[in-house]
Amino acid sequence: MTTAPSHRRPRGLAVWLIIAGVIGWIAAFALTLEKFHLLENPGSSASCDFSLLVQCGANLTSSQGAVFGFPNPLLGLAGWMAPFVVGAAILAGARFARWFWLAFWAGMAFAFGFVIWLISQSIFVLSTLCPWCMVTWLVTIPSFYAVTLHLFRAGVVPIGARGRATASTLMGWTPLLTILSYIVVAVIAQARLNWIAEVARLFGL
């Protein structure tokens, strides 16, 4: 395979992609099991249903839970293998062609956009916070940021020397960008659903 425009092997990104892939796949697997349980036992509750607000069942049985005609978790089971494989390949010494990075980026962008849409549907339409869904949100957001900034700093996306330098600097701020994104979602959810009071109630606080 040809090498993307001069850049060193991104070991940090590779490790994160492996971690995110494992966590995301576990969440998708758990949701798939919950979906099977609900299909086999109509009228029952999912094990992650803790209250009307904190639950998985409403999300899994809604139209938003099967956007493409099949349960969304199946997308996760297949999709989260990609970051894991890419991360492992980088650590093994693989160097990918520009077209490969762009295709991978497109996949991450789709996942990010889909998650943003699901967050909006969960908060504003279903009025629920699905625990395993939120695990998926937690790993998708930083994964998209990290891949995007890497492609900018590596010159895979041609943005000029200054742009690459800026992306390289921002790469170190990915954790902060991620936390800020979490805060935005948390604030919106609090304003709409008052989740803090619900969590306090569940824990008897």
N, C-alpha and C. Protein backbone atom coordinates (compact mmCIF):
# COMPACT_ATOMS: atom_id res chain seq x y z
N MET A 1 0.84 -1.20 0.00
CA MET A 1 0.00 0.00 0.00
C MET A 1 0.87 1.24 0.00
N THR A 2 0.42 2.28 -0.66
CA THR A 2 1.18 3.52 -0.68
C THR A 2 0.94 4.28 0.60
N THR A 3 1.87 5.17 0.89
CA THR A 3 1.79 5.92 2.13
C THR A 3 1.06 7.22 1.93
N ALA A 4 0.26 7.61 2.93
CA ALA A 4 -0.38 8.91 2.89
C ALA A 4 0.72 9.96 2.98
N PRO A 5 0.46 11.21 2.53
CA PRO A 5 1.47 12.25 2.56
C PRO A 5 2.18 12.31 3.90
N SER A 6 3.48 12.46 3.85
CA SER A 6 4.42 12.35 4.97
C SER A 6 3.81 12.55 6.35
N HIS A 7 3.77 11.50 7.11
CA HIS A 7 3.36 11.58 8.50
C HIS A 7 3.85 10.31 9.19
N ARG A 8 4.12 10.45 10.47
CA ARG A 8 4.57 9.29 11.22
C ARG A 8 3.39 8.40 11.57
N ARG A 9 3.68 7.15 11.90
CA ARG A 9 2.63 6.21 12.25
C ARG A 9 1.91 6.68 13.51
N PRO A 10 0.60 6.90 13.44
CA PRO A 10 -0.15 7.45 14.58
C PRO A 10 -0.49 6.37 15.62
N ARG A 11 0.47 6.00 16.43
CA ARG A 11 0.26 4.92 17.40
C ARG A 11 -0.83 5.28 18.43
N GLY A 12 -0.81 6.54 18.88
CA GLY A 12 -1.83 6.95 19.85
C GLY A 12 -3.23 6.79 19.28
N LEU A 13 -3.41 7.24 18.05
CA LEU A 13 -4.71 7.10 17.38
C LEU A 13 -5.06 5.63 17.24
N ALA A 14 -4.07 4.82 16.89
CA ALA A 14 -4.31 3.39 16.70
C ALA A 14 -4.81 2.74 17.98
N VAL A 15 -4.16 3.06 19.10
CA VAL A 15 -4.58 2.49 20.38
C VAL A 15 -6.01 2.91 20.71
N TRP A 16 -6.31 4.19 20.49
CA TRP A 16 -7.67 4.67 20.78
C TRP A 16 -8.69 3.96 19.89
N LEU A 17 -8.39 3.78 18.61
CA LEU A 17 -9.33 3.12 17.70
C LEU A 17 -9.62 1.70 18.15
N ILE A 18 -8.61 1.02 18.66
CA ILE A 18 -8.81 -0.34 19.17
C ILE A 18 -9.73 -0.30 20.40
N ILE A 19 -9.42 0.61 21.33
CA ILE A 19 -10.25 0.73 22.54
C ILE A 19 -11.68 1.09 22.19
N ALA A 20 -11.84 2.10 21.32
CA ALA A 20 -13.19 2.53 20.92
C ALA A 20 -13.92 1.41 20.20
N GLY A 21 -13.21 0.68 19.34
CA GLY A 21 -13.84 -0.42 18.62
C GLY A 21 -14.37 -1.49 19.56
N VAL A 22 -13.58 -1.82 20.58
CA VAL A 22 -14.00 -2.85 21.55
C VAL A 22 -15.21 -2.36 22.35
N ILE A 23 -15.12 -1.13 22.87
CA ILE A 23 -16.22 -0.59 23.68
C ILE A 23 -17.49 -0.45 22.85
N GLY A 24 -17.36 0.11 21.65
CA GLY A 24 -18.52 0.28 20.78
C GLY A 24 -19.15 -1.04 20.40
N TRP A 25 -18.31 -2.06 20.14
CA TRP A 25 -18.83 -3.37 19.76
C TRP A 25 -19.57 -4.02 20.92
N ILE A 26 -19.03 -3.88 22.13
CA ILE A 26 -19.68 -4.44 23.32
C ILE A 26 -21.06 -3.80 23.51
N ALA A 27 -21.13 -2.48 23.33
CA ALA A 27 -22.42 -1.78 23.47
C ALA A 27 -23.40 -2.27 22.42
N ALA A 28 -22.94 -2.42 21.17
CA ALA A 28 -23.82 -2.90 20.10
C ALA A 28 -24.28 -4.33 20.37
N PHE A 29 -23.38 -5.16 20.88
CA PHE A 29 -23.72 -6.55 21.20
C PHE A 29 -24.77 -6.61 22.30
N ALA A 30 -24.58 -5.78 23.33
CA ALA A 30 -25.53 -5.75 24.44
C ALA A 30 -26.91 -5.32 23.95
N LEU A 31 -26.95 -4.30 23.10
CA LEU A 31 -28.23 -3.84 22.57
C LEU A 31 -28.87 -4.89 21.67
N THR A 32 -28.05 -5.62 20.92
CA THR A 32 -28.58 -6.69 20.06
C THR A 32 -29.23 -7.77 20.91
N LEU A 33 -28.58 -8.15 22.01
CA LEU A 33 -29.16 -9.14 22.91
C LEU A 33 -30.48 -8.64 23.50
N GLU A 34 -30.50 -7.36 23.86
CA GLU A 34 -31.73 -6.79 24.41
C GLU A 34 -32.85 -6.82 23.37
N LYS A 35 -32.51 -6.54 22.12
CA LYS A 35 -33.51 -6.57 21.05
C LYS A 35 -34.05 -7.98 20.87
N PHE A 36 -33.18 -8.98 20.88
CA PHE A 36 -33.63 -10.37 20.76
C PHE A 36 -34.56 -10.72 21.93
N HIS A 37 -34.20 -10.26 23.12
CA HIS A 37 -35.01 -10.54 24.29
C HIS A 37 -36.42 -9.95 24.14
N LEU A 38 -36.49 -8.71 23.65
CA LEU A 38 -37.79 -8.06 23.49
C LEU A 38 -38.61 -8.73 22.39
N LEU A 39 -37.95 -9.23 21.35
CA LEU A 39 -38.67 -9.92 20.28
C LEU A 39 -39.20 -11.26 20.76
N GLU A 40 -38.41 -11.95 21.60
CA GLU A 40 -38.83 -13.25 22.09
C GLU A 40 -39.86 -13.16 23.22
N ASN A 41 -39.86 -12.02 23.89
CA ASN A 41 -40.77 -11.84 25.03
C ASN A 41 -41.55 -10.53 24.89
N PRO A 42 -42.53 -10.51 24.01
CA PRO A 42 -43.31 -9.28 23.81
C PRO A 42 -43.93 -8.80 25.12
N GLY A 43 -43.83 -7.50 25.33
CA GLY A 43 -44.41 -6.92 26.53
C GLY A 43 -43.47 -6.91 27.72
N SER A 44 -42.29 -7.56 27.58
CA SER A 44 -41.34 -7.57 28.68
C SER A 44 -40.47 -6.32 28.64
N SER A 45 -39.63 -6.16 29.64
CA SER A 45 -38.74 -5.00 29.71
C SER A 45 -37.30 -5.44 29.45
N ALA A 46 -36.51 -4.53 28.95
CA ALA A 46 -35.09 -4.80 28.75
C ALA A 46 -34.37 -4.69 30.10
N SER A 47 -33.26 -5.38 30.23
CA SER A 47 -32.52 -5.34 31.50
C SER A 47 -31.95 -3.96 31.78
N CYS A 48 -31.85 -3.13 30.74
CA CYS A 48 -31.32 -1.77 30.91
C CYS A 48 -32.45 -0.74 31.04
N ASP A 49 -33.66 -1.21 31.32
CA ASP A 49 -34.78 -0.31 31.59
C ASP A 49 -34.82 -0.03 33.09
N PHE A 50 -34.40 1.15 33.49
CA PHE A 50 -34.37 1.50 34.91
C PHE A 50 -35.51 2.42 35.32
N SER A 51 -36.01 3.18 34.35
CA SER A 51 -37.13 4.08 34.61
C SER A 51 -37.68 4.53 33.27
N LEU A 52 -38.71 5.36 33.30
CA LEU A 52 -39.25 5.87 32.04
C LEU A 52 -38.24 6.71 31.29
N LEU A 53 -37.34 7.35 32.04
CA LEU A 53 -36.32 8.19 31.41
C LEU A 53 -35.09 7.39 31.03
N VAL A 54 -34.58 6.60 31.95
CA VAL A 54 -33.35 5.84 31.70
C VAL A 54 -33.73 4.42 31.28
N GLN A 55 -33.72 4.15 30.00
CA GLN A 55 -34.12 2.85 29.48
C GLN A 55 -33.65 2.64 28.06
N CYS A 56 -33.62 1.37 27.65
CA CYS A 56 -33.24 1.01 26.28
C CYS A 56 -34.45 0.60 25.46
N GLY A 57 -35.47 0.06 26.16
CA GLY A 57 -36.60 -0.53 25.46
C GLY A 57 -37.29 0.40 24.49
N ALA A 58 -37.56 1.63 24.92
CA ALA A 58 -38.28 2.57 24.05
C ALA A 58 -37.47 2.87 22.80
N ASN A 59 -36.16 2.96 22.93
CA ASN A 59 -35.31 3.24 21.78
C ASN A 59 -35.29 2.05 20.82
N LEU A 60 -35.16 0.84 21.37
CA LEU A 60 -35.05 -0.35 20.53
C LEU A 60 -36.34 -0.66 19.79
N THR A 61 -37.49 -0.34 20.38
CA THR A 61 -38.77 -0.67 19.75
C THR A 61 -39.33 0.47 18.91
N SER A 62 -38.66 1.60 18.89
CA SER A 62 -39.15 2.75 18.11
C SER A 62 -38.71 2.64 16.65
N SER A 63 -39.31 3.48 15.82
CA SER A 63 -38.90 3.51 14.41
C SER A 63 -37.47 4.02 14.29
N GLN A 64 -37.05 4.88 15.21
CA GLN A 64 -35.67 5.39 15.20
C GLN A 64 -34.67 4.28 15.51
N GLY A 65 -35.13 3.20 16.12
CA GLY A 65 -34.25 2.09 16.47
C GLY A 65 -33.99 1.13 15.33
N ALA A 66 -34.66 1.37 14.20
CA ALA A 66 -34.46 0.52 13.03
C ALA A 66 -34.60 1.39 11.78
N VAL A 67 -33.74 2.36 11.68
CA VAL A 67 -33.84 3.38 10.62
C VAL A 67 -33.76 2.77 9.23
N PHE A 68 -32.92 1.76 9.06
CA PHE A 68 -32.69 1.20 7.73
C PHE A 68 -33.43 -0.12 7.51
N GLY A 69 -34.43 -0.36 8.35
CA GLY A 69 -35.24 -1.56 8.19
C GLY A 69 -34.77 -2.73 9.02
N PHE A 70 -33.70 -2.58 9.76
CA PHE A 70 -33.21 -3.61 10.67
C PHE A 70 -32.69 -2.90 11.91
N PRO A 71 -32.56 -3.60 13.04
CA PRO A 71 -32.15 -2.94 14.29
C PRO A 71 -30.81 -2.22 14.16
N ASN A 72 -30.77 -0.99 14.65
CA ASN A 72 -29.53 -0.20 14.59
C ASN A 72 -28.31 -0.90 15.18
N PRO A 73 -28.46 -1.69 16.27
CA PRO A 73 -27.28 -2.33 16.84
C PRO A 73 -26.52 -3.22 15.86
N LEU A 74 -27.21 -3.73 14.84
CA LEU A 74 -26.51 -4.55 13.85
C LEU A 74 -25.50 -3.72 13.08
N LEU A 75 -25.82 -2.44 12.90
CA LEU A 75 -24.85 -1.52 12.28
C LEU A 75 -23.59 -1.43 13.14
N GLY A 76 -23.81 -1.36 14.45
CA GLY A 76 -22.68 -1.26 15.36
C GLY A 76 -21.84 -2.52 15.37
N LEU A 77 -22.49 -3.69 15.32
CA LEU A 77 -21.75 -4.94 15.32
C LEU A 77 -20.80 -5.02 14.14
N ALA A 78 -21.27 -4.54 12.99
CA ALA A 78 -20.41 -4.55 11.80
C ALA A 78 -19.47 -3.35 11.78
N GLY A 79 -20.01 -2.18 12.07
CA GLY A 79 -19.24 -0.95 11.93
C GLY A 79 -18.08 -0.81 12.89
N TRP A 80 -18.25 -1.25 14.15
CA TRP A 80 -17.17 -1.08 15.13
C TRP A 80 -15.99 -1.99 14.89
N MET A 81 -16.14 -2.96 13.98
CA MET A 81 -14.98 -3.78 13.63
C MET A 81 -13.96 -2.98 12.84
N ALA A 82 -14.43 -1.96 12.09
CA ALA A 82 -13.53 -1.18 11.24
C ALA A 82 -12.47 -0.42 12.05
N PRO A 83 -12.86 0.38 13.07
CA PRO A 83 -11.83 1.05 13.86
C PRO A 83 -10.87 0.08 14.52
N PHE A 84 -11.38 -1.04 15.02
CA PHE A 84 -10.51 -2.03 15.66
C PHE A 84 -9.48 -2.56 14.67
N VAL A 85 -9.93 -2.93 13.49
CA VAL A 85 -9.02 -3.50 12.48
C VAL A 85 -8.02 -2.46 12.01
N VAL A 86 -8.48 -1.23 11.77
CA VAL A 86 -7.57 -0.17 11.33
C VAL A 86 -6.52 0.11 12.40
N GLY A 87 -6.95 0.22 13.66
CA GLY A 87 -6.01 0.46 14.75
C GLY A 87 -4.98 -0.64 14.87
N ALA A 88 -5.44 -1.89 14.81
CA ALA A 88 -4.52 -3.02 14.92
C ALA A 88 -3.55 -3.05 13.74
N ALA A 89 -4.05 -2.74 12.55
CA ALA A 89 -3.19 -2.73 11.37
C ALA A 89 -2.10 -1.66 11.47
N ILE A 90 -2.46 -0.48 11.99
CA ILE A 90 -1.46 0.58 12.16
C ILE A 90 -0.37 0.14 13.11
N LEU A 91 -0.77 -0.46 14.24
CA LEU A 91 0.22 -0.93 15.21
C LEU A 91 1.11 -2.03 14.61
N ALA A 92 0.56 -2.78 13.66
CA ALA A 92 1.33 -3.84 13.02
C ALA A 92 2.25 -3.31 11.93
N GLY A 93 2.17 -2.00 11.65
CA GLY A 93 3.07 -1.40 10.67
C GLY A 93 2.44 -1.05 9.34
N ALA A 94 1.13 -1.24 9.21
CA ALA A 94 0.46 -0.94 7.95
C ALA A 94 0.43 0.56 7.68
N ARG A 95 0.53 0.91 6.42
CA ARG A 95 0.37 2.30 5.99
C ARG A 95 -0.66 2.30 4.87
N PHE A 96 -1.66 3.14 5.03
CA PHE A 96 -2.79 3.10 4.12
C PHE A 96 -2.71 4.19 3.05
N ALA A 97 -3.26 3.86 1.90
CA ALA A 97 -3.35 4.82 0.80
C ALA A 97 -4.34 5.93 1.15
N ARG A 98 -4.21 7.03 0.46
CA ARG A 98 -5.08 8.18 0.73
C ARG A 98 -6.55 7.82 0.57
N TRP A 99 -6.88 7.06 -0.48
CA TRP A 99 -8.28 6.71 -0.71
C TRP A 99 -8.84 5.89 0.45
N PHE A 100 -8.00 5.06 1.06
CA PHE A 100 -8.45 4.25 2.19
C PHE A 100 -8.79 5.13 3.38
N TRP A 101 -7.88 6.09 3.68
CA TRP A 101 -8.14 7.00 4.80
C TRP A 101 -9.41 7.80 4.56
N LEU A 102 -9.61 8.25 3.32
CA LEU A 102 -10.80 9.04 3.03
C LEU A 102 -12.07 8.20 3.17
N ALA A 103 -12.01 6.93 2.75
CA ALA A 103 -13.16 6.04 2.91
C ALA A 103 -13.44 5.79 4.38
N PHE A 104 -12.38 5.59 5.16
CA PHE A 104 -12.55 5.37 6.60
C PHE A 104 -13.12 6.62 7.26
N TRP A 105 -12.63 7.77 6.84
CA TRP A 105 -13.14 9.05 7.37
C TRP A 105 -14.62 9.22 7.04
N ALA A 106 -15.01 8.83 5.81
CA ALA A 106 -16.42 8.93 5.42
C ALA A 106 -17.28 8.06 6.33
N GLY A 107 -16.77 6.87 6.65
CA GLY A 107 -17.50 6.00 7.56
C GLY A 107 -17.64 6.60 8.94
N MET A 108 -16.55 7.21 9.44
CA MET A 108 -16.59 7.84 10.75
C MET A 108 -17.53 9.04 10.74
N ALA A 109 -17.52 9.80 9.65
CA ALA A 109 -18.41 10.96 9.53
C ALA A 109 -19.87 10.52 9.53
N PHE A 110 -20.15 9.41 8.84
CA PHE A 110 -21.52 8.88 8.85
C PHE A 110 -21.92 8.48 10.26
N ALA A 111 -21.02 7.79 10.96
CA ALA A 111 -21.31 7.35 12.33
C ALA A 111 -21.56 8.55 13.24
N PHE A 112 -20.73 9.59 13.09
CA PHE A 112 -20.87 10.79 13.91
C PHE A 112 -22.20 11.48 13.63
N GLY A 113 -22.53 11.66 12.35
CA GLY A 113 -23.80 12.29 11.99
C GLY A 113 -24.99 11.48 12.47
N PHE A 114 -24.89 10.17 12.35
CA PHE A 114 -25.98 9.29 12.78
C PHE A 114 -26.17 9.38 14.29
N VAL A 115 -25.07 9.43 15.02
CA VAL A 115 -25.15 9.54 16.47
C VAL A 115 -25.77 10.87 16.89
N ILE A 116 -25.36 11.95 16.23
CA ILE A 116 -25.95 13.26 16.54
C ILE A 116 -27.45 13.23 16.32
N TRP A 117 -27.87 12.60 15.23
CA TRP A 117 -29.31 12.48 14.95
C TRP A 117 -30.01 11.64 16.01
N LEU A 118 -29.38 10.53 16.39
CA LEU A 118 -29.97 9.67 17.41
C LEU A 118 -30.06 10.37 18.76
N ILE A 119 -29.04 11.18 19.08
CA ILE A 119 -29.09 11.95 20.32
C ILE A 119 -30.28 12.89 20.31
N SER A 120 -30.48 13.58 19.19
CA SER A 120 -31.60 14.52 19.09
C SER A 120 -32.94 13.79 19.19
N GLN A 121 -33.03 12.62 18.57
CA GLN A 121 -34.27 11.85 18.63
C GLN A 121 -34.53 11.35 20.04
N SER A 122 -33.48 10.89 20.70
CA SER A 122 -33.62 10.37 22.05
C SER A 122 -34.08 11.45 23.02
N ILE A 123 -33.49 12.63 22.91
CA ILE A 123 -33.80 13.71 23.85
C ILE A 123 -35.11 14.41 23.51
N PHE A 124 -35.32 14.74 22.24
CA PHE A 124 -36.45 15.59 21.87
C PHE A 124 -37.70 14.82 21.44
N VAL A 125 -37.55 13.57 21.01
CA VAL A 125 -38.71 12.82 20.52
C VAL A 125 -39.10 11.70 21.48
N LEU A 126 -38.14 10.84 21.83
CA LEU A 126 -38.44 9.70 22.68
C LEU A 126 -38.40 10.04 24.16
N SER A 127 -37.71 11.12 24.50
CA SER A 127 -37.56 11.55 25.91
C SER A 127 -36.99 10.44 26.77
N THR A 128 -35.93 9.82 26.27
CA THR A 128 -35.26 8.75 27.00
C THR A 128 -33.75 8.91 26.91
N LEU A 129 -33.07 8.29 27.85
CA LEU A 129 -31.61 8.20 27.80
C LEU A 129 -31.26 6.73 27.91
N CYS A 130 -30.88 6.15 26.80
CA CYS A 130 -30.59 4.72 26.72
C CYS A 130 -29.13 4.48 27.15
N PRO A 131 -28.90 3.72 28.23
CA PRO A 131 -27.54 3.54 28.74
C PRO A 131 -26.54 3.02 27.72
N TRP A 132 -26.87 1.94 27.03
CA TRP A 132 -25.93 1.38 26.05
C TRP A 132 -25.78 2.30 24.84
N CYS A 133 -26.86 3.01 24.50
CA CYS A 133 -26.76 3.98 23.40
C CYS A 133 -25.77 5.09 23.76
N MET A 134 -25.82 5.52 25.02
CA MET A 134 -24.93 6.59 25.46
C MET A 134 -23.47 6.14 25.46
N VAL A 135 -23.23 4.84 25.70
CA VAL A 135 -21.86 4.32 25.58
C VAL A 135 -21.37 4.49 24.15
N THR A 136 -22.26 4.22 23.20
CA THR A 136 -21.91 4.40 21.78
C THR A 136 -21.62 5.87 21.49
N TRP A 137 -22.43 6.76 22.04
CA TRP A 137 -22.18 8.20 21.84
C TRP A 137 -20.80 8.57 22.37
N LEU A 138 -20.47 8.04 23.55
CA LEU A 138 -19.23 8.42 24.24
C LEU A 138 -17.98 8.08 23.42
N VAL A 139 -18.02 6.98 22.67
CA VAL A 139 -16.83 6.60 21.90
C VAL A 139 -16.86 7.11 20.45
N THR A 140 -18.05 7.34 19.92
CA THR A 140 -18.14 7.81 18.53
C THR A 140 -17.63 9.24 18.40
N ILE A 141 -18.02 10.10 19.32
CA ILE A 141 -17.66 11.52 19.22
C ILE A 141 -16.14 11.74 19.20
N PRO A 142 -15.39 11.24 20.19
CA PRO A 142 -13.93 11.45 20.14
C PRO A 142 -13.26 10.72 18.99
N SER A 143 -13.81 9.60 18.57
CA SER A 143 -13.22 8.86 17.44
C SER A 143 -13.28 9.70 16.17
N PHE A 144 -14.42 10.34 15.94
CA PHE A 144 -14.55 11.19 14.76
C PHE A 144 -13.59 12.36 14.83
N TYR A 145 -13.51 13.01 16.00
CA TYR A 145 -12.59 14.14 16.14
C TYR A 145 -11.15 13.71 15.87
N ALA A 146 -10.74 12.59 16.46
CA ALA A 146 -9.36 12.14 16.36
C ALA A 146 -9.00 11.78 14.92
N VAL A 147 -9.87 11.06 14.24
CA VAL A 147 -9.59 10.68 12.86
C VAL A 147 -9.55 11.91 11.96
N THR A 148 -10.50 12.82 12.15
CA THR A 148 -10.55 14.04 11.33
C THR A 148 -9.28 14.87 11.50
N LEU A 149 -8.88 15.12 12.73
CA LEU A 149 -7.68 15.93 12.98
C LEU A 149 -6.43 15.23 12.48
N HIS A 150 -6.38 13.92 12.59
CA HIS A 150 -5.21 13.20 12.07
C HIS A 150 -5.09 13.36 10.56
N LEU A 151 -6.20 13.24 9.86
CA LEU A 151 -6.15 13.36 8.40
C LEU A 151 -5.77 14.77 7.98
N PHE A 152 -6.18 15.77 8.76
CA PHE A 152 -5.79 17.15 8.47
C PHE A 152 -4.30 17.36 8.73
N ARG A 153 -3.83 16.89 9.89
CA ARG A 153 -2.42 17.13 10.22
C ARG A 153 -1.48 16.32 9.34
N ALA A 154 -1.96 15.18 8.82
CA ALA A 154 -1.12 14.32 8.00
C ALA A 154 -1.11 14.74 6.54
N GLY A 155 -1.97 15.67 6.17
CA GLY A 155 -2.01 16.11 4.79
C GLY A 155 -2.85 15.24 3.89
N VAL A 156 -3.56 14.27 4.47
CA VAL A 156 -4.45 13.43 3.66
C VAL A 156 -5.54 14.31 3.06
N VAL A 157 -6.00 15.27 3.87
CA VAL A 157 -6.91 16.31 3.39
C VAL A 157 -6.06 17.55 3.18
N PRO A 158 -5.89 17.99 1.94
CA PRO A 158 -4.98 19.11 1.66
C PRO A 158 -5.50 20.44 2.18
N ILE A 159 -4.91 20.94 3.28
CA ILE A 159 -5.35 22.20 3.85
C ILE A 159 -4.18 23.17 4.05
N GLY A 160 -3.02 22.86 3.52
CA GLY A 160 -1.88 23.76 3.64
C GLY A 160 -1.10 23.54 4.92
N ALA A 161 0.13 24.07 4.93
CA ALA A 161 1.02 23.86 6.07
C ALA A 161 0.46 24.44 7.36
N ARG A 162 -0.12 25.65 7.29
CA ARG A 162 -0.67 26.27 8.49
C ARG A 162 -1.85 25.46 9.03
N GLY A 163 -2.68 24.97 8.13
CA GLY A 163 -3.82 24.16 8.54
C GLY A 163 -3.37 22.87 9.19
N ARG A 164 -2.32 22.25 8.63
CA ARG A 164 -1.80 21.02 9.21
C ARG A 164 -1.23 21.28 10.60
N ALA A 165 -0.55 22.40 10.76
CA ALA A 165 0.01 22.74 12.07
C ALA A 165 -1.10 22.96 13.09
N THR A 166 -2.16 23.63 12.67
CA THR A 166 -3.29 23.87 13.57
C THR A 166 -3.94 22.55 13.98
N ALA A 167 -4.13 21.66 12.99
CA ALA A 167 -4.74 20.35 13.28
C ALA A 167 -3.86 19.55 14.22
N SER A 168 -2.54 19.65 14.03
CA SER A 168 -1.61 18.93 14.91
C SER A 168 -1.73 19.43 16.34
N THR A 169 -1.88 20.75 16.50
CA THR A 169 -2.05 21.32 17.84
C THR A 169 -3.38 20.89 18.44
N LEU A 170 -4.45 20.95 17.65
CA LEU A 170 -5.77 20.59 18.14
C LEU A 170 -5.87 19.11 18.50
N MET A 171 -5.02 18.29 17.86
CA MET A 171 -5.05 16.86 18.16
C MET A 171 -4.81 16.63 19.65
N GLY A 172 -3.93 17.41 20.23
CA GLY A 172 -3.66 17.29 21.66
C GLY A 172 -4.81 17.76 22.52
N TRP A 173 -5.70 18.51 21.92
CA TRP A 173 -6.86 19.02 22.66
C TRP A 173 -8.11 18.18 22.43
N THR A 174 -7.96 17.04 21.77
CA THR A 174 -9.11 16.18 21.50
C THR A 174 -9.88 15.81 22.77
N PRO A 175 -9.19 15.45 23.87
CA PRO A 175 -9.95 15.15 25.10
C PRO A 175 -10.82 16.32 25.57
N LEU A 176 -10.27 17.55 25.49
CA LEU A 176 -11.05 18.71 25.90
C LEU A 176 -12.22 18.94 24.97
N LEU A 177 -11.99 18.81 23.65
CA LEU A 177 -13.09 18.97 22.69
C LEU A 177 -14.18 17.95 22.96
N THR A 178 -13.75 16.75 23.32
CA THR A 178 -14.70 15.68 23.61
C THR A 178 -15.52 16.01 24.85
N ILE A 179 -14.85 16.44 25.90
CA ILE A 179 -15.54 16.78 27.15
C ILE A 179 -16.53 17.92 26.92
N LEU A 180 -16.12 18.92 26.15
CA LEU A 180 -17.02 20.03 25.85
C LEU A 180 -18.26 19.54 25.10
N SER A 181 -18.07 18.58 24.20
CA SER A 181 -19.20 18.02 23.47
C SER A 181 -20.13 17.27 24.41
N TYR A 182 -19.54 16.51 25.34
CA TYR A 182 -20.36 15.82 26.34
C TYR A 182 -21.16 16.81 27.17
N ILE A 183 -20.52 17.91 27.53
CA ILE A 183 -21.20 18.91 28.36
C ILE A 183 -22.38 19.51 27.61
N VAL A 184 -22.19 19.79 26.32
CA VAL A 184 -23.28 20.36 25.51
C VAL A 184 -24.47 19.39 25.51
N VAL A 185 -24.20 18.11 25.26
CA VAL A 185 -25.29 17.12 25.25
C VAL A 185 -25.94 17.03 26.62
N ALA A 186 -25.12 17.02 27.68
CA ALA A 186 -25.65 16.91 29.04
C ALA A 186 -26.53 18.11 29.40
N VAL A 187 -26.10 19.31 28.99
CA VAL A 187 -26.88 20.51 29.29
C VAL A 187 -28.22 20.49 28.55
N ILE A 188 -28.18 20.09 27.28
CA ILE A 188 -29.42 20.02 26.50
C ILE A 188 -30.36 18.99 27.12
N ALA A 189 -29.80 17.82 27.47
CA ALA A 189 -30.62 16.77 28.08
C ALA A 189 -31.19 17.22 29.42
N GLN A 190 -30.40 17.96 30.18
CA GLN A 190 -30.88 18.44 31.47
C GLN A 190 -32.02 19.43 31.28
N ALA A 191 -31.87 20.35 30.34
CA ALA A 191 -32.90 21.35 30.08
C ALA A 191 -34.20 20.70 29.60
N ARG A 192 -34.06 19.63 28.84
CA ARG A 192 -35.23 18.97 28.27
C ARG A 192 -35.82 17.89 29.18
N LEU A 193 -34.94 17.11 29.84
CA LEU A 193 -35.40 15.92 30.55
C LEU A 193 -35.16 15.94 32.06
N ASN A 194 -34.37 16.91 32.55
CA ASN A 194 -34.03 16.97 33.97
C ASN A 194 -33.45 15.63 34.45
N TRP A 195 -32.43 15.16 33.74
CA TRP A 195 -31.88 13.84 34.03
C TRP A 195 -31.14 13.78 35.37
N ILE A 196 -30.63 14.91 35.85
CA ILE A 196 -29.92 14.91 37.13
C ILE A 196 -30.85 14.47 38.26
N ALA A 197 -32.07 15.01 38.27
CA ALA A 197 -33.04 14.64 39.29
C ALA A 197 -33.40 13.16 39.18
N GLU A 198 -33.50 12.66 37.94
CA GLU A 198 -33.86 11.25 37.76
C GLU A 198 -32.75 10.32 38.24
N VAL A 199 -31.50 10.67 37.91
CA VAL A 199 -30.37 9.86 38.35
C VAL A 199 -30.28 9.88 39.87
N ALA A 200 -30.50 11.05 40.46
CA ALA A 200 -30.48 11.15 41.94
C ALA A 200 -31.54 10.27 42.55
N ARG A 201 -32.71 10.24 41.93
CA ARG A 201 -33.80 9.41 42.43
C ARG A 201 -33.44 7.93 42.35
N LEU A 202 -32.85 7.52 41.22
CA LEU A 202 -32.50 6.12 41.02
C LEU A 202 -31.46 5.64 42.03
N PHE A 203 -30.57 6.54 42.43
CA PHE A 203 -29.53 6.18 43.38
C PHE A 203 -29.93 6.53 44.82
N GLY A 204 -31.16 6.99 45.00
CA GLY A 204 -31.65 7.29 46.33
C GLY A 204 -30.98 8.47 46.97
N LEU A 205 -30.58 9.46 46.17
CA LEU A 205 -29.89 10.63 46.70
C LEU A 205 -30.89 11.76 46.99
